[in-house]
Amino acid sequence: MAKNRRRLKQIWINPEFQKHFLVKFGFLNLISCGLFVATILSFLVNVKEMAEESGFFQSQAFQGFWDVQVQIISFSLLIAVLVSFLLFLYLGLTMSHKIAGPLYRLDQHFKKLANSQEDKEQFLEKVTFRKGDYFKEIEESFNELVDKQGLRK
């Protein structure tokens, strides 16, 4: 069980996959943030047009109030987009680790197996993934194979 608790030692396990994953994830984040900002700005434009048509915008007090509100909303949107970006970065790296980690572990295990077969010894061992990693069913299936083969555990 101690093997199963490997800590995050490096950010990039499989840089090509993880960077590609983050770019796609980032693109989705960019689209959703863009739609959110566009919706809010569209709403503000509509409210301003309605205020101008009804004569509210002729008042200096209302114009000052409007300018302050637009600044507050703009600042809030900026903060929301920055928080969204940081969450995207964290979740993207976490998810890519949970995908790339097990694949890296299997790759290392197969390389070790290939090298041991060159040495004419059978070296089939169970493989373990971290808690929370994806593809647990592959770990279980591979370990069933090891058990059925009756080789080293």
C-alpha atoms as a PDB file:
ATOM      1  CA  MET A   1       0.000   0.000   0.000  1.00  0.00           C
ATOM      2  CA  ALA A   2       2.948   2.331   0.606  1.00  0.00           C
ATOM      3  CA  LYS A   3       3.824   2.123  -3.097  1.00  0.00           C
ATOM      4  CA  ASN A   4       0.338   3.353  -3.911  1.00  0.00           C
ATOM      5  CA  ARG A   5       0.954   6.693  -2.141  1.00  0.00           C
ATOM      6  CA  ARG A   6       3.490   8.204  -4.507  1.00  0.00           C
ATOM      7  CA  ARG A   7       3.618  11.985  -4.226  1.00  0.00           C
ATOM      8  CA  LEU A   8       3.700  14.503  -7.037  1.00  0.00           C
ATOM      9  CA  LYS A   9       7.418  14.760  -7.770  1.00  0.00           C
ATOM     10  CA  GLN A  10       7.348  16.435 -11.133  1.00  0.00           C
ATOM     11  CA  ILE A  11       4.782  18.502 -12.969  1.00  0.00           C
ATOM     12  CA  TRP A  12       5.366  17.053 -16.428  1.00  0.00           C
ATOM     13  CA  ILE A  13       5.105  13.264 -16.553  1.00  0.00           C
ATOM     14  CA  ASN A  14       4.366  13.137 -20.268  1.00  0.00           C
ATOM     15  CA  PRO A  15       4.931  16.731 -21.449  1.00  0.00           C
ATOM     16  CA  GLU A  16       3.609  16.254 -24.986  1.00  0.00           C
ATOM     17  CA  PHE A  17       0.305  14.761 -23.809  1.00  0.00           C
ATOM     18  CA  GLN A  18      -0.103  17.090 -20.828  1.00  0.00           C
ATOM     19  CA  LYS A  19       0.608  20.273 -22.791  1.00  0.00           C
ATOM     20  CA  HIS A  20      -1.794  19.176 -25.542  1.00  0.00           C
ATOM     21  CA  PHE A  21      -4.410  18.398 -22.876  1.00  0.00           C
ATOM     22  CA  LEU A  22      -3.916  21.792 -21.195  1.00  0.00           C
ATOM     23  CA  VAL A  23      -4.187  23.637 -24.524  1.00  0.00           C
ATOM     24  CA  LYS A  24      -7.526  21.969 -25.274  1.00  0.00           C
ATOM     25  CA  PHE A  25      -8.718  22.503 -21.713  1.00  0.00           C
ATOM     26  CA  GLY A  26      -7.563  26.136 -21.908  1.00  0.00           C
ATOM     27  CA  PHE A  27      -9.394  26.661 -25.183  1.00  0.00           C
ATOM     28  CA  LEU A  28     -12.629  25.495 -23.557  1.00  0.00           C
ATOM     29  CA  ASN A  29     -11.965  27.833 -20.635  1.00  0.00           C
ATOM     30  CA  LEU A  30     -11.299  30.727 -23.005  1.00  0.00           C
ATOM     31  CA  ILE A  31     -14.551  30.107 -24.870  1.00  0.00           C
ATOM     32  CA  SER A  32     -16.617  29.877 -21.674  1.00  0.00           C
ATOM     33  CA  CYS A  33     -15.011  33.014 -20.177  1.00  0.00           C
ATOM     34  CA  GLY A  34     -15.505  34.852 -23.483  1.00  0.00           C
ATOM     35  CA  LEU A  35     -19.182  33.925 -23.584  1.00  0.00           C
ATOM     36  CA  PHE A  36     -19.615  34.978 -19.968  1.00  0.00           C
ATOM     37  CA  VAL A  37     -17.954  38.375 -20.513  1.00  0.00           C
ATOM     38  CA  ALA A  38     -19.823  38.934 -23.803  1.00  0.00           C
ATOM     39  CA  THR A  39     -23.154  38.209 -22.096  1.00  0.00           C
ATOM     40  CA  ILE A  40     -22.455  40.666 -19.272  1.00  0.00           C
ATOM     41  CA  LEU A  41     -21.239  43.379 -21.669  1.00  0.00           C
ATOM     42  CA  SER A  42     -24.274  42.860 -23.895  1.00  0.00           C
ATOM     43  CA  PHE A  43     -26.505  43.281 -20.870  1.00  0.00           C
ATOM     44  CA  LEU A  44     -24.718  46.511 -19.897  1.00  0.00           C
ATOM     45  CA  VAL A  45     -25.079  47.916 -23.420  1.00  0.00           C
ATOM     46  CA  ASN A  46     -28.804  47.115 -23.402  1.00  0.00           C
ATOM     47  CA  VAL A  47     -29.307  48.736 -19.993  1.00  0.00           C
ATOM     48  CA  LYS A  48     -27.401  51.848 -21.110  1.00  0.00           C
ATOM     49  CA  GLU A  49     -29.526  52.119 -24.276  1.00  0.00           C
ATOM     50  CA  MET A  50     -32.711  51.790 -22.228  1.00  0.00           C
ATOM     51  CA  ALA A  51     -31.452  54.442 -19.769  1.00  0.00           C
ATOM     52  CA  GLU A  52     -30.627  56.836 -22.627  1.00  0.00           C
ATOM     53  CA  GLU A  53     -34.032  56.286 -24.240  1.00  0.00           C
ATOM     54  CA  SER A  54     -35.864  56.948 -20.990  1.00  0.00           C
ATOM     55  CA  GLY A  55     -33.853  60.078 -20.232  1.00  0.00           C
ATOM     56  CA  PHE A  56     -32.009  58.776 -17.157  1.00  0.00           C
ATOM     57  CA  PHE A  57     -28.626  59.326 -18.762  1.00  0.00           C
ATOM     58  CA  GLN A  58     -29.148  63.102 -18.923  1.00  0.00           C
ATOM     59  CA  SER A  59     -28.635  63.292 -15.137  1.00  0.00           C
ATOM     60  CA  GLN A  60     -25.026  63.788 -13.971  1.00  0.00           C
ATOM     61  CA  ALA A  61     -25.770  61.728 -10.861  1.00  0.00           C
ATOM     62  CA  PHE A  62     -26.907  58.761 -12.957  1.00  0.00           C
ATOM     63  CA  GLN A  63     -23.898  59.034 -15.302  1.00  0.00           C
ATOM     64  CA  GLY A  64     -21.553  59.010 -12.285  1.00  0.00           C
ATOM     65  CA  PHE A  65     -23.426  56.063 -10.802  1.00  0.00           C
ATOM     66  CA  TRP A  66     -23.294  54.248 -14.146  1.00  0.00           C
ATOM     67  CA  ASP A  67     -19.546  54.801 -14.563  1.00  0.00           C
ATOM     68  CA  VAL A  68     -18.840  53.442 -11.061  1.00  0.00           C
ATOM     69  CA  GLN A  69     -21.019  50.391 -11.684  1.00  0.00           C
ATOM     70  CA  VAL A  70     -19.298  49.651 -15.013  1.00  0.00           C
ATOM     71  CA  GLN A  71     -15.892  49.885 -13.293  1.00  0.00           C
ATOM     72  CA  ILE A  72     -17.002  47.530 -10.497  1.00  0.00           C
ATOM     73  CA  ILE A  73     -18.439  45.038 -12.969  1.00  0.00           C
ATOM     74  CA  SER A  74     -15.328  45.214 -15.171  1.00  0.00           C
ATOM     75  CA  PHE A  75     -13.069  44.612 -12.174  1.00  0.00           C
ATOM     76  CA  SER A  76     -15.283  41.717 -11.035  1.00  0.00           C
ATOM     77  CA  LEU A  77     -15.150  40.183 -14.507  1.00  0.00           C
ATOM     78  CA  LEU A  78     -11.354  40.468 -14.537  1.00  0.00           C
ATOM     79  CA  ILE A  79     -11.131  38.743 -11.143  1.00  0.00           C
ATOM     80  CA  ALA A  80     -13.565  36.020 -12.282  1.00  0.00           C
ATOM     81  CA  VAL A  81     -11.538  35.339 -15.430  1.00  0.00           C
ATOM     82  CA  LEU A  82      -8.265  35.201 -13.451  1.00  0.00           C
ATOM     83  CA  VAL A  83      -9.753  32.828 -10.866  1.00  0.00           C
ATOM     84  CA  SER A  84     -11.183  30.723 -13.676  1.00  0.00           C
ATOM     85  CA  PHE A  85      -7.759  30.562 -15.326  1.00  0.00           C
ATOM     86  CA  LEU A  86      -6.070  29.485 -12.085  1.00  0.00           C
ATOM     87  CA  LEU A  87      -8.731  26.833 -11.483  1.00  0.00           C
ATOM     88  CA  PHE A  88      -8.361  25.632 -15.082  1.00  0.00           C
ATOM     89  CA  LEU A  89      -4.602  25.375 -14.631  1.00  0.00           C
ATOM     90  CA  TYR A  90      -4.900  23.438 -11.378  1.00  0.00           C
ATOM     91  CA  LEU A  91      -7.658  21.115 -12.614  1.00  0.00           C
ATOM     92  CA  GLY A  92      -5.956  20.625 -15.975  1.00  0.00           C
ATOM     93  CA  LEU A  93      -2.658  19.630 -14.386  1.00  0.00           C
ATOM     94  CA  THR A  94      -4.418  17.403 -11.855  1.00  0.00           C
ATOM     95  CA  MET A  95      -6.484  15.642 -14.510  1.00  0.00           C
ATOM     96  CA  SER A  96      -3.537  15.256 -16.861  1.00  0.00           C
ATOM     97  CA  HIS A  97      -1.521  13.735 -14.009  1.00  0.00           C
ATOM     98  CA  LYS A  98      -4.292  11.257 -13.267  1.00  0.00           C
ATOM     99  CA  ILE A  99      -4.230  10.201 -16.920  1.00  0.00           C
ATOM    100  CA  ALA A 100      -0.523  10.453 -17.757  1.00  0.00           C
ATOM    101  CA  GLY A 101       0.652   8.958 -14.442  1.00  0.00           C
ATOM    102  CA  PRO A 102      -0.856   5.478 -14.925  1.00  0.00           C
ATOM    103  CA  LEU A 103       0.215   5.396 -18.567  1.00  0.00           C
ATOM    104  CA  TYR A 104       3.764   6.374 -17.558  1.00  0.00           C
ATOM    105  CA  ARG A 105       3.743   3.697 -14.836  1.00  0.00           C
ATOM    106  CA  LEU A 106       2.617   1.044 -17.343  1.00  0.00           C
ATOM    107  CA  ASP A 107       5.226   2.199 -19.848  1.00  0.00           C
ATOM    108  CA  GLN A 108       7.979   1.915 -17.232  1.00  0.00           C
ATOM    109  CA  HIS A 109       6.656  -1.479 -16.150  1.00  0.00           C
ATOM    110  CA  PHE A 110       6.640  -2.795 -19.734  1.00  0.00           C
ATOM    111  CA  LYS A 111      10.158  -1.488 -20.359  1.00  0.00           C
ATOM    112  CA  LYS A 112      11.329  -3.249 -17.206  1.00  0.00           C
ATOM    113  CA  LEU A 113       9.570  -6.414 -18.378  1.00  0.00           C
ATOM    114  CA  ALA A 114      11.178  -6.168 -21.844  1.00  0.00           C
ATOM    115  CA  ASN A 115      14.645  -5.747 -20.317  1.00  0.00           C
ATOM    116  CA  SER A 116      14.150  -8.701 -17.977  1.00  0.00           C
ATOM    117  CA  GLN A 117      13.118 -10.940 -20.889  1.00  0.00           C
ATOM    118  CA  GLU A 118      16.366 -10.038 -22.636  1.00  0.00           C
ATOM    119  CA  ASP A 119      18.132 -11.384 -19.557  1.00  0.00           C
ATOM    120  CA  LYS A 120      16.127 -14.631 -19.965  1.00  0.00           C
ATOM    121  CA  GLU A 121      14.325 -14.261 -16.645  1.00  0.00           C
ATOM    122  CA  GLN A 122      10.615 -13.875 -16.154  1.00  0.00           C
ATOM    123  CA  PHE A 123       9.937 -10.664 -14.330  1.00  0.00           C
ATOM    124  CA  LEU A 124       6.180 -10.112 -14.430  1.00  0.00           C
ATOM    125  CA  GLU A 125       5.055  -8.129 -11.381  1.00  0.00           C
ATOM    126  CA  LYS A 126       1.850  -6.523 -10.290  1.00  0.00           C
ATOM    127  CA  VAL A 127       1.514  -2.863 -11.144  1.00  0.00           C
ATOM    128  CA  THR A 128       0.107  -0.234  -8.784  1.00  0.00           C
ATOM    129  CA  PHE A 129      -1.382   3.155  -9.542  1.00  0.00           C
ATOM    130  CA  ARG A 130      -1.800   6.064  -7.161  1.00  0.00           C
ATOM    131  CA  LYS A 131      -5.033   6.567  -5.292  1.00  0.00           C
ATOM    132  CA  GLY A 132      -7.273   8.728  -7.481  1.00  0.00           C
ATOM    133  CA  ASP A 133      -5.556   7.821 -10.771  1.00  0.00           C
ATOM    134  CA  TYR A 134      -7.717   6.969 -13.750  1.00  0.00           C
ATOM    135  CA  PHE A 135      -7.633   3.581 -15.494  1.00  0.00           C
ATOM    136  CA  LYS A 136      -7.879   1.509 -12.292  1.00  0.00           C
ATOM    137  CA  GLU A 137      -9.549  -1.191 -14.391  1.00  0.00           C
ATOM    138  CA  ILE A 138      -6.308  -1.596 -16.382  1.00  0.00           C
ATOM    139  CA  GLU A 139      -4.362  -2.018 -13.143  1.00  0.00           C
ATOM    140  CA  GLU A 140      -6.871  -4.632 -11.960  1.00  0.00           C
ATOM    141  CA  SER A 141      -6.873  -6.503 -15.297  1.00  0.00           C
ATOM    142  CA  PHE A 142      -3.081  -6.554 -15.490  1.00  0.00           C
ATOM    143  CA  ASN A 143      -2.812  -7.785 -11.900  1.00  0.00           C
ATOM    144  CA  GLU A 144      -5.380 -10.517 -12.650  1.00  0.00           C
ATOM    145  CA  LEU A 145      -3.139 -11.604 -15.530  1.00  0.00           C
ATOM    146  CA  VAL A 146      -0.162 -11.755 -13.168  1.00  0.00           C
ATOM    147  CA  ASP A 147      -2.193 -13.814 -10.684  1.00  0.00           C
ATOM    148  CA  LYS A 148      -3.398 -16.226 -13.387  1.00  0.00           C
ATOM    149  CA  GLN A 149       0.085 -16.662 -14.774  1.00  0.00           C
ATOM    150  CA  GLY A 150       1.284 -17.559 -11.294  1.00  0.00           C
ATOM    151  CA  LEU A 151       4.432 -15.556 -11.785  1.00  0.00           C
ATOM    152  CA  ARG A 152       6.108 -13.184  -9.332  1.00  0.00           C
ATOM    153  CA  LYS A 153       3.805 -10.888  -7.405  1.00  0.00           C
END
